Structure formats: structure tokens, C-alpha cells
């Protein structure tokens, strides 16, 4: 079994269990924060729509904003 097949099965299982997932393709010229930030922001905004999770999502968005500001290249 290849890595992609395994990752797709893990993603499918997570979705079945109610987890939100994202697909990120690694890129040699982009740092991990640059790759992750837009996707994490989308998930946190989606979580904000769930009333019981909205405070957790808002806190996550604040942390993400802080993380983004320190991980920007100079």
C-alpha cells in the first residue's frame, strides 16, 4: 500500500468519525506555516459556526493570528 492510499484511508476514517480534514501538498519553496495557515483559518472559521465550539474557535483564531504574525519572513 502506498503512502497516498494510506493517507486517504486515514482521512476517510476521520471524516466518518466527524473530524474536519484538510489536504495540503508539500512544497519545497514554502514553509510549513505558510502552507498550514490558510487551511487552519478555514477550519477555525467553520468551527466558529458551531455554537458550543465558537469560543474555542475564536481563541484558536487569535492564536493563529499571533502565530502568523511571528512566522512571516522578515
N, C-alpha and C. Protein backbone atom coordinates (compact mmCIF):
# COMPACT_ATOMS: atom_id res chain seq x y z
N UNK A 1 0.85 -1.17 0.00
CA UNK A 1 0.00 0.00 0.00
C UNK A 1 0.90 1.24 0.00
N UNK A 2 0.57 2.20 -0.84
CA UNK A 2 1.35 3.43 -0.93
C UNK A 2 0.98 4.44 0.15
N UNK A 3 1.83 5.43 0.31
CA UNK A 3 1.60 6.48 1.32
C UNK A 3 0.32 7.25 1.05
N UNK A 4 0.06 7.59 -0.22
CA UNK A 4 -1.14 8.36 -0.55
C UNK A 4 -2.39 7.56 -0.24
N UNK A 5 -2.38 6.29 -0.57
CA UNK A 5 -3.53 5.42 -0.28
C UNK A 5 -3.78 5.38 1.22
N UNK A 6 -2.72 5.22 1.99
CA UNK A 6 -2.84 5.18 3.45
C UNK A 6 -3.40 6.50 3.99
N UNK A 7 -2.86 7.61 3.52
CA UNK A 7 -3.33 8.92 3.98
C UNK A 7 -4.80 9.14 3.61
N UNK A 8 -5.19 8.71 2.42
CA UNK A 8 -6.59 8.85 2.01
C UNK A 8 -7.51 8.01 2.90
N UNK A 9 -7.06 6.82 3.27
CA UNK A 9 -7.88 5.98 4.16
C UNK A 9 -8.00 6.59 5.54
N UNK A 10 -6.91 7.14 6.04
CA UNK A 10 -6.96 7.81 7.35
C UNK A 10 -7.92 9.00 7.28
N UNK A 11 -7.84 9.79 6.19
CA UNK A 11 -8.75 10.92 6.03
C UNK A 11 -10.20 10.46 5.98
N UNK A 12 -10.49 9.42 5.20
CA UNK A 12 -11.86 8.91 5.10
C UNK A 12 -12.38 8.45 6.46
N UNK A 13 -11.54 7.77 7.21
CA UNK A 13 -11.93 7.31 8.54
C UNK A 13 -12.21 8.50 9.46
N UNK A 14 -11.36 9.51 9.41
CA UNK A 14 -11.55 10.70 10.24
C UNK A 14 -12.86 11.40 9.89
N UNK A 15 -13.15 11.53 8.60
CA UNK A 15 -14.41 12.16 8.17
C UNK A 15 -15.60 11.36 8.66
N UNK A 16 -15.52 10.03 8.56
CA UNK A 16 -16.60 9.17 9.07
C UNK A 16 -16.85 9.40 10.55
N UNK A 17 -15.81 9.69 11.29
CA UNK A 17 -15.91 9.91 12.74
C UNK A 17 -16.27 11.35 13.09
N UNK A 18 -16.46 12.20 12.07
CA UNK A 18 -16.90 13.57 12.31
C UNK A 18 -15.80 14.61 12.41
N UNK A 19 -14.58 14.25 12.07
CA UNK A 19 -13.48 15.20 12.12
C UNK A 19 -13.44 16.02 10.84
N UNK A 20 -13.00 17.26 10.95
CA UNK A 20 -12.76 18.09 9.78
C UNK A 20 -11.34 17.78 9.30
N UNK A 21 -11.17 17.67 8.00
CA UNK A 21 -9.85 17.36 7.46
C UNK A 21 -9.48 18.38 6.39
N UNK A 22 -8.19 18.44 6.10
CA UNK A 22 -7.69 19.30 5.03
C UNK A 22 -6.67 18.52 4.23
N UNK A 23 -6.48 18.94 2.99
CA UNK A 23 -5.45 18.37 2.13
C UNK A 23 -4.42 19.44 1.88
N UNK A 24 -3.18 19.14 2.21
CA UNK A 24 -2.09 20.07 1.98
C UNK A 24 -1.01 19.33 1.21
N UNK A 25 -0.58 19.92 0.13
CA UNK A 25 0.51 19.34 -0.64
C UNK A 25 1.79 20.09 -0.29
N UNK A 26 2.80 19.35 0.11
CA UNK A 26 4.07 19.96 0.49
C UNK A 26 4.71 20.64 -0.71
N UNK A 27 5.37 21.72 -0.43
CA UNK A 27 6.03 22.48 -1.49
C UNK A 27 7.39 22.91 -0.94
N UNK A 28 8.44 22.58 -1.67
CA UNK A 28 9.80 22.85 -1.18
C UNK A 28 10.08 24.33 -0.96
N UNK A 29 9.42 25.20 -1.70
CA UNK A 29 9.71 26.63 -1.61
C UNK A 29 8.84 27.36 -0.59
N UNK A 30 7.91 26.65 0.04
CA UNK A 30 7.03 27.28 1.03
C UNK A 30 7.25 26.64 2.39
N UNK A 31 7.24 27.48 3.42
CA UNK A 31 7.42 26.97 4.78
C UNK A 31 6.13 26.31 5.27
N UNK A 32 6.26 25.50 6.30
CA UNK A 32 5.10 24.81 6.87
C UNK A 32 4.02 25.80 7.33
N UNK A 33 4.38 26.90 8.05
CA UNK A 33 3.34 27.85 8.45
C UNK A 33 2.59 28.44 7.25
N UNK A 34 3.30 28.75 6.19
CA UNK A 34 2.66 29.32 5.01
C UNK A 34 1.67 28.32 4.41
N UNK A 35 2.02 27.05 4.43
CA UNK A 35 1.14 26.01 3.90
C UNK A 35 -0.07 25.78 4.81
N UNK A 36 0.15 25.81 6.12
CA UNK A 36 -0.90 25.46 7.07
C UNK A 36 -1.89 26.59 7.37
N UNK A 37 -1.40 27.82 7.46
CA UNK A 37 -2.24 28.92 7.96
C UNK A 37 -3.57 29.09 7.24
N UNK A 38 -3.62 29.14 5.91
CA UNK A 38 -4.92 29.34 5.27
C UNK A 38 -5.92 28.22 5.56
N UNK A 39 -5.42 26.99 5.62
CA UNK A 39 -6.30 25.85 5.87
C UNK A 39 -6.79 25.83 7.32
N UNK A 40 -5.90 26.11 8.25
CA UNK A 40 -6.30 26.15 9.65
C UNK A 40 -7.30 27.27 9.89
N UNK A 41 -7.11 28.39 9.23
CA UNK A 41 -8.05 29.50 9.37
C UNK A 41 -9.45 29.09 8.89
N UNK A 42 -9.53 28.40 7.76
CA UNK A 42 -10.82 27.94 7.23
C UNK A 42 -11.51 26.99 8.21
N UNK A 43 -10.74 26.08 8.79
CA UNK A 43 -11.33 25.13 9.74
C UNK A 43 -11.82 25.85 10.99
N UNK A 44 -11.03 26.79 11.50
CA UNK A 44 -11.45 27.52 12.70
C UNK A 44 -12.69 28.36 12.43
N UNK A 45 -12.78 28.95 11.26
CA UNK A 45 -13.98 29.71 10.91
C UNK A 45 -15.19 28.78 10.82
N UNK A 46 -14.99 27.60 10.27
CA UNK A 46 -16.09 26.63 10.19
C UNK A 46 -16.51 26.19 11.59
N UNK A 47 -15.53 25.95 12.47
CA UNK A 47 -15.85 25.56 13.85
C UNK A 47 -16.60 26.67 14.57
N UNK A 48 -16.32 27.91 14.22
CA UNK A 48 -16.99 29.05 14.85
C UNK A 48 -18.49 29.01 14.61
N UNK A 49 -18.93 28.33 13.55
CA UNK A 49 -20.36 28.26 13.27
C UNK A 49 -21.08 27.29 14.20
N UNK A 50 -20.35 26.40 14.85
CA UNK A 50 -20.96 25.51 15.83
C UNK A 50 -21.01 26.25 17.16
N UNK A 51 -22.21 26.50 17.64
CA UNK A 51 -22.37 27.38 18.80
C UNK A 51 -21.54 26.95 20.00
N UNK A 52 -21.52 25.66 20.32
CA UNK A 52 -20.79 25.21 21.51
C UNK A 52 -19.28 25.30 21.33
N UNK A 53 -18.81 25.40 20.09
CA UNK A 53 -17.38 25.48 19.84
C UNK A 53 -16.91 26.90 19.52
N UNK A 54 -17.84 27.83 19.46
CA UNK A 54 -17.48 29.15 18.96
C UNK A 54 -16.40 29.83 19.79
N UNK A 55 -16.43 29.72 21.11
CA UNK A 55 -15.39 30.36 21.92
C UNK A 55 -14.04 29.70 21.70
N UNK A 56 -14.03 28.39 21.59
CA UNK A 56 -12.79 27.67 21.31
C UNK A 56 -12.25 28.10 19.95
N UNK A 57 -13.12 28.20 18.97
CA UNK A 57 -12.70 28.61 17.62
C UNK A 57 -12.18 30.04 17.63
N UNK A 58 -12.85 30.94 18.34
CA UNK A 58 -12.37 32.33 18.41
C UNK A 58 -10.99 32.40 19.06
N UNK A 59 -10.80 31.63 20.11
CA UNK A 59 -9.49 31.58 20.76
C UNK A 59 -8.45 31.01 19.79
N UNK A 60 -8.84 29.98 19.06
CA UNK A 60 -7.93 29.40 18.07
C UNK A 60 -7.56 30.39 16.98
N UNK A 61 -8.54 31.19 16.53
CA UNK A 61 -8.25 32.20 15.52
C UNK A 61 -7.28 33.26 16.04
N UNK A 62 -7.42 33.64 17.32
CA UNK A 62 -6.49 34.61 17.91
C UNK A 62 -5.08 34.02 17.96
N UNK A 63 -4.97 32.76 18.37
CA UNK A 63 -3.65 32.11 18.42
C UNK A 63 -3.07 32.00 17.02
N UNK A 64 -3.91 31.65 16.06
CA UNK A 64 -3.45 31.52 14.68
C UNK A 64 -2.95 32.86 14.15
N UNK A 65 -3.68 33.94 14.46
CA UNK A 65 -3.26 35.27 14.02
C UNK A 65 -1.91 35.62 14.63
N UNK A 66 -1.74 35.29 15.90
CA UNK A 66 -0.48 35.56 16.58
C UNK A 66 0.64 34.72 15.96
N UNK A 67 0.36 33.46 15.68
CA UNK A 67 1.33 32.57 15.06
C UNK A 67 1.72 33.09 13.68
N UNK A 68 0.74 33.55 12.93
CA UNK A 68 1.01 34.06 11.58
C UNK A 68 1.89 35.29 11.62
N UNK A 69 1.69 36.14 12.61
CA UNK A 69 2.47 37.37 12.66
C UNK A 69 3.94 37.09 13.00
N UNK A 70 4.23 36.07 13.79
CA UNK A 70 5.62 35.77 14.12
C UNK A 70 6.29 34.86 13.10
N UNK A 71 5.50 34.17 12.29
CA UNK A 71 6.11 33.25 11.33
C UNK A 71 6.32 33.86 9.96
N UNK A 72 5.93 35.12 9.79
CA UNK A 72 6.16 35.80 8.50
C UNK A 72 7.65 36.04 8.31
N UNK A 73 8.13 35.79 7.09
CA UNK A 73 9.55 36.06 6.85
C UNK A 73 9.83 37.56 6.92
N UNK A 74 11.02 37.90 7.38
CA UNK A 74 11.40 39.32 7.53
C UNK A 74 11.78 39.93 6.21
